[in-house]
Amino acid sequence: MGETVFDDFKTKIGGQILLLNKSNFKSTIGINGIYRKHETHFVRLQNFGSEIEGTFGYYISKWFIATEIGFDKAIVTHFKHSKAFKEEIYAEVVDDWYEPATGDNFYYGLVTGVSFRKHEIYLNIGKVITKDFRTSPFIPFYAQLGYNCKFRKKRK
């Protein structure tokens, strides 16, 4: 979102378990570890967190549509303030790791996509609300266009 392409990013790694596999209806639950970084003129934030999410949807061989709900928890965040922040706003600011969490959000939305061979292209759209269920972040909606490559062992 800024001038430098890779100064804001989020990475996650985790796993997913299939809970329901009835006809074309499927339900999964997943858990991920998250690392994210955001940088502005005044501060660089680095964050470690976790995410738990569930999906339920209709899947056939070529396409799918599903609903999703999840919780993204920011566990600990490191603040590194710029010289400009210290000179212009608050000289006594402390650069350090801060907890408790600096931002926890629930999200819900729709996921749809197309599949071909071992590949999948998907579109994910939805809404974000904070953990108090009364407020929203500055940008309360999300959209994600993604690609998955499926790795499966062949069964004997």
N, C-alpha and C. Protein backbone atom coordinates (compact mmCIF):
# COMPACT_ATOMS: atom_id res chain seq x y z
N MET A 1 0.81 -1.20 0.00
CA MET A 1 0.00 0.00 0.00
C MET A 1 0.86 1.26 0.00
N GLY A 2 2.17 1.12 0.05
CA GLY A 2 3.02 2.29 0.10
C GLY A 2 3.90 2.41 -1.13
N GLU A 3 4.93 3.25 -1.00
CA GLU A 3 5.84 3.49 -2.12
C GLU A 3 6.72 2.28 -2.39
N THR A 4 7.15 1.58 -1.35
CA THR A 4 8.00 0.41 -1.51
C THR A 4 7.12 -0.83 -1.59
N VAL A 5 7.31 -1.63 -2.61
CA VAL A 5 6.41 -2.75 -2.88
C VAL A 5 6.35 -3.75 -1.73
N PHE A 6 7.47 -4.13 -1.16
CA PHE A 6 7.48 -5.19 -0.15
C PHE A 6 7.65 -4.68 1.28
N ASP A 7 7.25 -3.43 1.57
CA ASP A 7 7.37 -2.97 2.96
C ASP A 7 6.16 -3.35 3.80
N ASP A 8 5.06 -3.76 3.18
CA ASP A 8 3.87 -4.26 3.89
C ASP A 8 3.57 -5.66 3.38
N PHE A 9 3.58 -6.65 4.26
CA PHE A 9 3.25 -8.00 3.83
C PHE A 9 2.79 -8.84 5.01
N LYS A 10 2.19 -9.97 4.69
CA LYS A 10 1.73 -10.94 5.68
C LYS A 10 2.05 -12.32 5.15
N THR A 11 2.68 -13.14 5.94
CA THR A 11 2.94 -14.52 5.57
C THR A 11 2.32 -15.42 6.62
N LYS A 12 1.88 -16.59 6.18
CA LYS A 12 1.34 -17.53 7.15
C LYS A 12 1.65 -18.94 6.72
N ILE A 13 1.81 -19.79 7.71
CA ILE A 13 2.06 -21.20 7.46
C ILE A 13 1.25 -21.99 8.47
N GLY A 14 0.68 -23.08 8.01
CA GLY A 14 -0.15 -23.85 8.92
C GLY A 14 -0.70 -25.09 8.25
N GLY A 15 -1.81 -25.56 8.77
CA GLY A 15 -2.41 -26.77 8.25
C GLY A 15 -3.92 -26.68 8.27
N GLN A 16 -4.53 -27.65 7.61
CA GLN A 16 -5.97 -27.68 7.46
C GLN A 16 -6.45 -29.13 7.58
N ILE A 17 -7.56 -29.33 8.27
CA ILE A 17 -8.13 -30.66 8.45
C ILE A 17 -9.55 -30.68 7.88
N LEU A 18 -9.86 -31.72 7.13
CA LEU A 18 -11.20 -31.90 6.58
C LEU A 18 -12.10 -32.50 7.66
N LEU A 19 -13.14 -31.78 8.05
CA LEU A 19 -14.06 -32.24 9.10
C LEU A 19 -15.29 -32.94 8.53
N LEU A 20 -15.78 -32.45 7.40
CA LEU A 20 -16.99 -33.00 6.79
C LEU A 20 -16.72 -33.22 5.31
N ASN A 21 -17.07 -34.40 4.83
CA ASN A 21 -16.90 -34.72 3.41
C ASN A 21 -18.11 -35.54 2.97
N LYS A 22 -19.23 -34.86 2.82
CA LYS A 22 -20.50 -35.51 2.51
C LYS A 22 -20.96 -35.07 1.14
N SER A 23 -20.97 -35.98 0.17
CA SER A 23 -21.33 -35.68 -1.19
C SER A 23 -20.43 -34.55 -1.69
N ASN A 24 -20.98 -33.44 -2.13
CA ASN A 24 -20.16 -32.31 -2.59
C ASN A 24 -19.98 -31.24 -1.52
N PHE A 25 -20.49 -31.47 -0.33
CA PHE A 25 -20.35 -30.50 0.76
C PHE A 25 -19.15 -30.87 1.61
N LYS A 26 -18.33 -29.86 1.89
CA LYS A 26 -17.12 -30.08 2.66
C LYS A 26 -16.97 -28.97 3.70
N SER A 27 -16.35 -29.32 4.81
CA SER A 27 -16.07 -28.36 5.87
C SER A 27 -14.65 -28.62 6.38
N THR A 28 -13.90 -27.55 6.56
CA THR A 28 -12.53 -27.67 7.04
C THR A 28 -12.30 -26.71 8.21
N ILE A 29 -11.27 -27.00 8.98
CA ILE A 29 -10.78 -26.08 9.99
C ILE A 29 -9.27 -25.99 9.81
N GLY A 30 -8.75 -24.79 9.95
CA GLY A 30 -7.32 -24.58 9.76
C GLY A 30 -6.73 -23.73 10.85
N ILE A 31 -5.45 -23.90 11.08
CA ILE A 31 -4.72 -23.06 12.03
C ILE A 31 -3.40 -22.67 11.40
N ASN A 32 -3.03 -21.40 11.57
CA ASN A 32 -1.82 -20.86 10.95
C ASN A 32 -1.03 -20.02 11.94
N GLY A 33 0.27 -20.03 11.77
CA GLY A 33 1.14 -19.05 12.41
C GLY A 33 1.35 -17.92 11.42
N ILE A 34 1.41 -16.68 11.93
CA ILE A 34 1.47 -15.51 11.05
C ILE A 34 2.67 -14.63 11.41
N TYR A 35 3.35 -14.12 10.39
CA TYR A 35 4.32 -13.04 10.55
C TYR A 35 3.92 -11.95 9.57
N ARG A 36 3.83 -10.71 10.06
CA ARG A 36 3.48 -9.60 9.18
C ARG A 36 4.34 -8.38 9.50
N LYS A 37 4.48 -7.53 8.49
CA LYS A 37 5.27 -6.31 8.64
C LYS A 37 4.53 -5.17 7.95
N HIS A 38 4.53 -4.01 8.60
CA HIS A 38 3.91 -2.81 8.05
C HIS A 38 4.84 -1.65 8.36
N GLU A 39 5.08 -0.80 7.36
CA GLU A 39 6.00 0.30 7.56
C GLU A 39 5.43 1.59 6.98
N THR A 40 5.56 2.67 7.75
CA THR A 40 5.17 4.00 7.30
C THR A 40 6.36 4.94 7.50
N HIS A 41 6.14 6.20 7.22
CA HIS A 41 7.17 7.22 7.42
C HIS A 41 7.57 7.32 8.90
N PHE A 42 6.64 6.97 9.81
CA PHE A 42 6.89 7.15 11.24
C PHE A 42 7.26 5.88 12.00
N VAL A 43 6.85 4.71 11.53
CA VAL A 43 7.07 3.50 12.34
C VAL A 43 7.14 2.26 11.46
N ARG A 44 7.93 1.28 11.92
CA ARG A 44 7.95 -0.05 11.31
C ARG A 44 7.41 -1.01 12.36
N LEU A 45 6.36 -1.75 12.00
CA LEU A 45 5.75 -2.72 12.91
C LEU A 45 6.03 -4.12 12.38
N GLN A 46 6.52 -5.00 13.27
CA GLN A 46 6.68 -6.41 12.95
C GLN A 46 5.86 -7.19 13.96
N ASN A 47 5.10 -8.17 13.48
CA ASN A 47 4.13 -8.82 14.34
C ASN A 47 4.14 -10.33 14.14
N PHE A 48 3.99 -11.05 15.25
CA PHE A 48 3.77 -12.49 15.22
C PHE A 48 2.37 -12.75 15.76
N GLY A 49 1.65 -13.65 15.10
CA GLY A 49 0.29 -13.93 15.52
C GLY A 49 -0.14 -15.32 15.12
N SER A 50 -1.43 -15.56 15.27
CA SER A 50 -2.00 -16.85 14.89
C SER A 50 -3.38 -16.62 14.29
N GLU A 51 -3.88 -17.65 13.63
CA GLU A 51 -5.18 -17.55 12.97
C GLU A 51 -5.84 -18.92 13.02
N ILE A 52 -7.11 -18.92 13.34
CA ILE A 52 -7.92 -20.13 13.23
C ILE A 52 -9.09 -19.79 12.33
N GLU A 53 -9.39 -20.70 11.41
CA GLU A 53 -10.44 -20.41 10.44
C GLU A 53 -11.21 -21.68 10.10
N GLY A 54 -12.46 -21.49 9.73
CA GLY A 54 -13.30 -22.61 9.30
C GLY A 54 -14.02 -22.25 8.02
N THR A 55 -14.22 -23.25 7.16
CA THR A 55 -14.97 -23.04 5.92
C THR A 55 -16.02 -24.14 5.76
N PHE A 56 -17.08 -23.79 5.09
CA PHE A 56 -18.12 -24.76 4.73
C PHE A 56 -18.60 -24.40 3.35
N GLY A 57 -18.62 -25.38 2.44
CA GLY A 57 -19.04 -25.03 1.10
C GLY A 57 -19.38 -26.20 0.22
N TYR A 58 -19.68 -25.85 -1.02
CA TYR A 58 -20.06 -26.79 -2.07
C TYR A 58 -18.90 -26.88 -3.06
N TYR A 59 -18.39 -28.08 -3.25
CA TYR A 59 -17.21 -28.29 -4.09
C TYR A 59 -17.50 -29.36 -5.14
N ILE A 60 -17.19 -29.04 -6.40
CA ILE A 60 -17.19 -30.06 -7.44
C ILE A 60 -15.82 -29.99 -8.11
N SER A 61 -15.57 -30.85 -9.07
CA SER A 61 -14.21 -30.98 -9.60
C SER A 61 -13.67 -29.70 -10.25
N LYS A 62 -14.51 -28.89 -10.84
CA LYS A 62 -14.02 -27.71 -11.57
C LYS A 62 -14.18 -26.38 -10.85
N TRP A 63 -15.05 -26.29 -9.83
CA TRP A 63 -15.26 -25.02 -9.14
C TRP A 63 -15.81 -25.27 -7.74
N PHE A 64 -15.84 -24.20 -6.95
CA PHE A 64 -16.37 -24.29 -5.59
C PHE A 64 -16.85 -22.93 -5.11
N ILE A 65 -17.71 -22.96 -4.11
CA ILE A 65 -18.13 -21.75 -3.40
C ILE A 65 -18.30 -22.13 -1.94
N ALA A 66 -17.81 -21.27 -1.04
CA ALA A 66 -17.84 -21.60 0.38
C ALA A 66 -17.96 -20.33 1.21
N THR A 67 -18.41 -20.50 2.43
CA THR A 67 -18.39 -19.42 3.42
C THR A 67 -17.20 -19.66 4.34
N GLU A 68 -16.70 -18.60 4.91
CA GLU A 68 -15.59 -18.75 5.85
C GLU A 68 -15.80 -17.84 7.05
N ILE A 69 -15.23 -18.25 8.16
CA ILE A 69 -15.21 -17.44 9.38
C ILE A 69 -13.88 -17.71 10.05
N GLY A 70 -13.29 -16.68 10.64
CA GLY A 70 -12.00 -16.87 11.28
C GLY A 70 -11.69 -15.82 12.31
N PHE A 71 -10.61 -16.07 13.05
CA PHE A 71 -10.11 -15.15 14.07
C PHE A 71 -8.62 -15.00 13.89
N ASP A 72 -8.16 -13.77 13.71
CA ASP A 72 -6.76 -13.43 13.51
C ASP A 72 -6.28 -12.73 14.78
N LYS A 73 -5.34 -13.35 15.49
CA LYS A 73 -4.85 -12.81 16.76
C LYS A 73 -3.42 -12.34 16.61
N ALA A 74 -3.20 -11.07 16.86
CA ALA A 74 -1.85 -10.51 16.91
C ALA A 74 -1.32 -10.74 18.33
N ILE A 75 -0.27 -11.54 18.46
CA ILE A 75 0.21 -11.92 19.79
C ILE A 75 1.22 -10.93 20.35
N VAL A 76 2.22 -10.57 19.54
CA VAL A 76 3.24 -9.64 20.00
C VAL A 76 3.71 -8.80 18.80
N THR A 77 3.95 -7.51 19.04
CA THR A 77 4.32 -6.59 17.97
C THR A 77 5.54 -5.78 18.37
N HIS A 78 6.51 -5.67 17.45
CA HIS A 78 7.68 -4.83 17.68
C HIS A 78 7.50 -3.50 16.97
N PHE A 79 7.67 -2.41 17.72
CA PHE A 79 7.58 -1.05 17.20
C PHE A 79 8.99 -0.49 17.06
N LYS A 80 9.35 0.01 15.89
CA LYS A 80 10.61 0.72 15.65
C LYS A 80 10.25 2.05 15.02
N HIS A 81 10.33 3.10 15.81
CA HIS A 81 9.92 4.43 15.36
C HIS A 81 11.04 5.13 14.61
N SER A 82 10.66 5.90 13.62
CA SER A 82 11.64 6.61 12.79
C SER A 82 12.18 7.84 13.51
N LYS A 83 13.27 8.34 12.97
CA LYS A 83 13.85 9.58 13.48
C LYS A 83 12.84 10.73 13.34
N ALA A 84 12.10 10.74 12.24
CA ALA A 84 11.09 11.78 12.01
C ALA A 84 10.02 11.74 13.10
N PHE A 85 9.57 10.56 13.50
CA PHE A 85 8.57 10.44 14.56
C PHE A 85 9.13 11.00 15.87
N LYS A 86 10.35 10.61 16.18
CA LYS A 86 10.98 11.06 17.44
C LYS A 86 11.21 12.57 17.44
N GLU A 87 11.55 13.14 16.30
CA GLU A 87 11.80 14.58 16.23
C GLU A 87 10.51 15.40 16.15
N GLU A 88 9.50 14.90 15.42
CA GLU A 88 8.31 15.69 15.15
C GLU A 88 7.15 15.42 16.12
N ILE A 89 7.09 14.22 16.70
CA ILE A 89 5.90 13.87 17.46
C ILE A 89 6.20 13.60 18.93
N TYR A 90 7.09 12.64 19.20
CA TYR A 90 7.31 12.26 20.60
C TYR A 90 8.73 11.72 20.77
N ALA A 91 9.58 12.52 21.34
CA ALA A 91 11.00 12.18 21.46
C ALA A 91 11.26 11.02 22.42
N GLU A 92 10.40 10.80 23.40
CA GLU A 92 10.63 9.79 24.43
C GLU A 92 10.04 8.41 24.09
N VAL A 93 9.56 8.24 22.90
CA VAL A 93 8.96 6.96 22.52
C VAL A 93 9.99 5.82 22.66
N VAL A 94 9.53 4.65 23.06
CA VAL A 94 10.40 3.50 23.27
C VAL A 94 10.15 2.47 22.16
N ASP A 95 11.22 2.07 21.50
CA ASP A 95 11.15 0.99 20.51
C ASP A 95 11.29 -0.33 21.26
N ASP A 96 10.27 -1.20 21.12
CA ASP A 96 10.31 -2.45 21.88
C ASP A 96 9.22 -3.38 21.38
N TRP A 97 9.20 -4.59 21.95
CA TRP A 97 8.13 -5.57 21.72
C TRP A 97 7.00 -5.25 22.68
N TYR A 98 5.77 -5.25 22.15
CA TYR A 98 4.61 -4.94 22.98
C TYR A 98 3.59 -6.07 22.92
N GLU A 99 3.07 -6.38 24.06
CA GLU A 99 1.94 -7.28 24.22
C GLU A 99 1.16 -6.75 25.41
N PRO A 100 -0.04 -6.99 25.67
CA PRO A 100 -0.87 -7.94 24.94
C PRO A 100 -1.10 -7.51 23.51
N ALA A 101 -1.92 -8.26 22.88
CA ALA A 101 -2.14 -8.12 21.45
C ALA A 101 -2.46 -6.69 21.05
N THR A 102 -1.93 -6.29 19.90
CA THR A 102 -2.17 -4.95 19.38
C THR A 102 -3.28 -4.92 18.35
N GLY A 103 -3.92 -6.03 18.11
CA GLY A 103 -5.04 -6.07 17.17
C GLY A 103 -5.54 -7.48 16.95
N ASP A 104 -6.76 -7.75 17.36
CA ASP A 104 -7.38 -9.05 17.15
C ASP A 104 -8.67 -8.83 16.37
N ASN A 105 -8.85 -9.60 15.30
CA ASN A 105 -10.00 -9.39 14.43
C ASN A 105 -10.70 -10.70 14.07
N PHE A 106 -12.03 -10.64 14.03
CA PHE A 106 -12.83 -11.70 13.45
C PHE A 106 -13.08 -11.31 12.00
N TYR A 107 -13.23 -12.31 11.14
CA TYR A 107 -13.58 -12.04 9.75
C TYR A 107 -14.53 -13.11 9.25
N TYR A 108 -15.33 -12.72 8.26
CA TYR A 108 -16.25 -13.67 7.63
C TYR A 108 -16.46 -13.24 6.19
N GLY A 109 -16.71 -14.22 5.33
CA GLY A 109 -16.90 -13.88 3.93
C GLY A 109 -17.17 -15.08 3.06
N LEU A 110 -16.98 -14.88 1.77
CA LEU A 110 -17.21 -15.90 0.75
C LEU A 110 -15.90 -16.19 0.02
N VAL A 111 -15.75 -17.45 -0.38
CA VAL A 111 -14.61 -17.87 -1.18
C VAL A 111 -15.17 -18.63 -2.38
N THR A 112 -14.68 -18.31 -3.55
CA THR A 112 -15.06 -19.06 -4.75
C THR A 112 -13.83 -19.24 -5.61
N GLY A 113 -13.85 -20.27 -6.42
CA GLY A 113 -12.68 -20.50 -7.25
C GLY A 113 -12.91 -21.55 -8.30
N VAL A 114 -11.91 -21.70 -9.15
CA VAL A 114 -11.91 -22.72 -10.19
C VAL A 114 -10.68 -23.60 -10.01
N SER A 115 -10.84 -24.88 -10.32
CA SER A 115 -9.76 -25.84 -10.17
C SER A 115 -9.46 -26.50 -11.51
N PHE A 116 -8.20 -26.77 -11.74
CA PHE A 116 -7.79 -27.52 -12.92
C PHE A 116 -6.50 -28.25 -12.59
N ARG A 117 -6.51 -29.55 -12.84
CA ARG A 117 -5.42 -30.46 -12.49
C ARG A 117 -5.03 -30.26 -11.02
N LYS A 118 -3.79 -29.84 -10.76
CA LYS A 118 -3.33 -29.64 -9.38
C LYS A 118 -3.36 -28.16 -8.99
N HIS A 119 -4.04 -27.34 -9.76
CA HIS A 119 -4.01 -25.90 -9.55
C HIS A 119 -5.40 -25.36 -9.19
N GLU A 120 -5.38 -24.22 -8.52
CA GLU A 120 -6.63 -23.59 -8.10
C GLU A 120 -6.43 -22.08 -8.07
N ILE A 121 -7.36 -21.35 -8.63
CA ILE A 121 -7.37 -19.88 -8.55
C ILE A 121 -8.64 -19.52 -7.79
N TYR A 122 -8.51 -18.65 -6.79
CA TYR A 122 -9.66 -18.34 -5.96
C TYR A 122 -9.79 -16.84 -5.69
N LEU A 123 -10.99 -16.43 -5.34
CA LEU A 123 -11.31 -15.07 -4.93
C LEU A 123 -11.98 -15.16 -3.57
N ASN A 124 -11.49 -14.37 -2.66
CA ASN A 124 -11.95 -14.38 -1.27
C ASN A 124 -12.36 -12.94 -0.92
N ILE A 125 -13.62 -12.71 -0.52
CA ILE A 125 -14.07 -11.38 -0.14
C ILE A 125 -14.84 -11.47 1.18
N GLY A 126 -14.77 -10.41 1.98
CA GLY A 126 -15.49 -10.45 3.24
C GLY A 126 -15.34 -9.19 4.06
N LYS A 127 -15.73 -9.30 5.31
CA LYS A 127 -15.77 -8.18 6.26
C LYS A 127 -14.97 -8.53 7.50
N VAL A 128 -14.36 -7.52 8.09
CA VAL A 128 -13.55 -7.67 9.30
C VAL A 128 -14.17 -6.85 10.41
N ILE A 129 -14.26 -7.43 11.62
CA ILE A 129 -14.69 -6.69 12.81
C ILE A 129 -13.71 -7.00 13.94
N THR A 130 -13.58 -6.07 14.86
CA THR A 130 -12.65 -6.29 15.97
C THR A 130 -13.26 -7.24 16.99
N LYS A 131 -12.43 -7.66 17.93
CA LYS A 131 -12.86 -8.69 18.87
C LYS A 131 -13.98 -8.23 19.80
N ASP A 132 -14.24 -6.92 19.90
CA ASP A 132 -15.34 -6.46 20.74
C ASP A 132 -16.69 -6.52 20.02
N PHE A 133 -16.70 -6.88 18.74
CA PHE A 133 -17.89 -6.99 17.90
C PHE A 133 -18.64 -5.66 17.72
N ARG A 134 -18.03 -4.54 18.11
CA ARG A 134 -18.70 -3.25 17.98
C ARG A 134 -17.98 -2.31 17.01
N THR A 135 -16.72 -2.53 16.79
CA THR A 135 -15.96 -1.62 15.94
C THR A 135 -15.33 -2.39 14.79
N SER A 136 -14.93 -1.64 13.78
CA SER A 136 -14.26 -2.20 12.61
C SER A 136 -12.91 -1.53 12.43
N PRO A 137 -11.97 -2.21 11.79
CA PRO A 137 -10.71 -1.55 11.46
C PRO A 137 -10.94 -0.42 10.46
N PHE A 138 -9.92 0.37 10.19
CA PHE A 138 -10.00 1.49 9.27
C PHE A 138 -10.55 1.04 7.91
N ILE A 139 -10.07 -0.10 7.42
CA ILE A 139 -10.60 -0.68 6.18
C ILE A 139 -11.31 -1.97 6.59
N PRO A 140 -12.65 -1.95 6.66
CA PRO A 140 -13.39 -3.08 7.23
C PRO A 140 -13.67 -4.23 6.27
N PHE A 141 -13.20 -4.15 5.04
CA PHE A 141 -13.46 -5.21 4.06
C PHE A 141 -12.13 -5.78 3.57
N TYR A 142 -12.20 -6.99 3.07
CA TYR A 142 -11.00 -7.58 2.49
C TYR A 142 -11.33 -8.27 1.18
N ALA A 143 -10.34 -8.36 0.32
CA ALA A 143 -10.44 -9.09 -0.93
C ALA A 143 -9.07 -9.69 -1.19
N GLN A 144 -9.08 -10.92 -1.65
CA GLN A 144 -7.83 -11.61 -1.92
C GLN A 144 -8.00 -12.47 -3.17
N LEU A 145 -7.09 -12.31 -4.08
CA LEU A 145 -7.03 -13.15 -5.26
C LEU A 145 -5.83 -14.05 -5.07
N GLY A 146 -6.02 -15.36 -5.17
CA GLY A 146 -4.94 -16.26 -4.84
C GLY A 146 -4.80 -17.45 -5.76
N TYR A 147 -3.72 -18.17 -5.54
CA TYR A 147 -3.38 -19.36 -6.30
C TYR A 147 -2.90 -20.43 -5.33
N ASN A 148 -3.38 -21.65 -5.50
CA ASN A 148 -2.92 -22.80 -4.72
C ASN A 148 -2.42 -23.87 -5.66
N CYS A 149 -1.37 -24.55 -5.25
CA CYS A 149 -0.90 -25.74 -5.93
C CYS A 149 -1.07 -26.90 -4.96
N LYS A 150 -1.78 -27.91 -5.38
CA LYS A 150 -2.12 -29.04 -4.49
C LYS A 150 -1.06 -30.14 -4.62
N PHE A 151 -0.57 -30.59 -3.48
CA PHE A 151 0.37 -31.70 -3.42
C PHE A 151 -0.32 -32.85 -2.72
N ARG A 152 -0.52 -33.93 -3.42
CA ARG A 152 -1.17 -35.10 -2.83
C ARG A 152 -0.37 -36.35 -3.13
N LYS A 153 -0.30 -37.21 -2.14
CA LYS A 153 0.29 -38.51 -2.37
C LYS A 153 -0.71 -39.39 -3.08
N LYS A 154 -0.27 -40.16 -4.02
CA LYS A 154 -1.15 -41.10 -4.68
C LYS A 154 -1.41 -42.26 -3.74
N ARG A 155 -2.67 -42.64 -3.62
CA ARG A 155 -3.03 -43.76 -2.78
C ARG A 155 -2.84 -45.06 -3.52
N LYS A 156 -2.41 -46.08 -2.78
CA LYS A 156 -2.20 -47.40 -3.39
C LYS A 156 -3.47 -48.20 -3.37
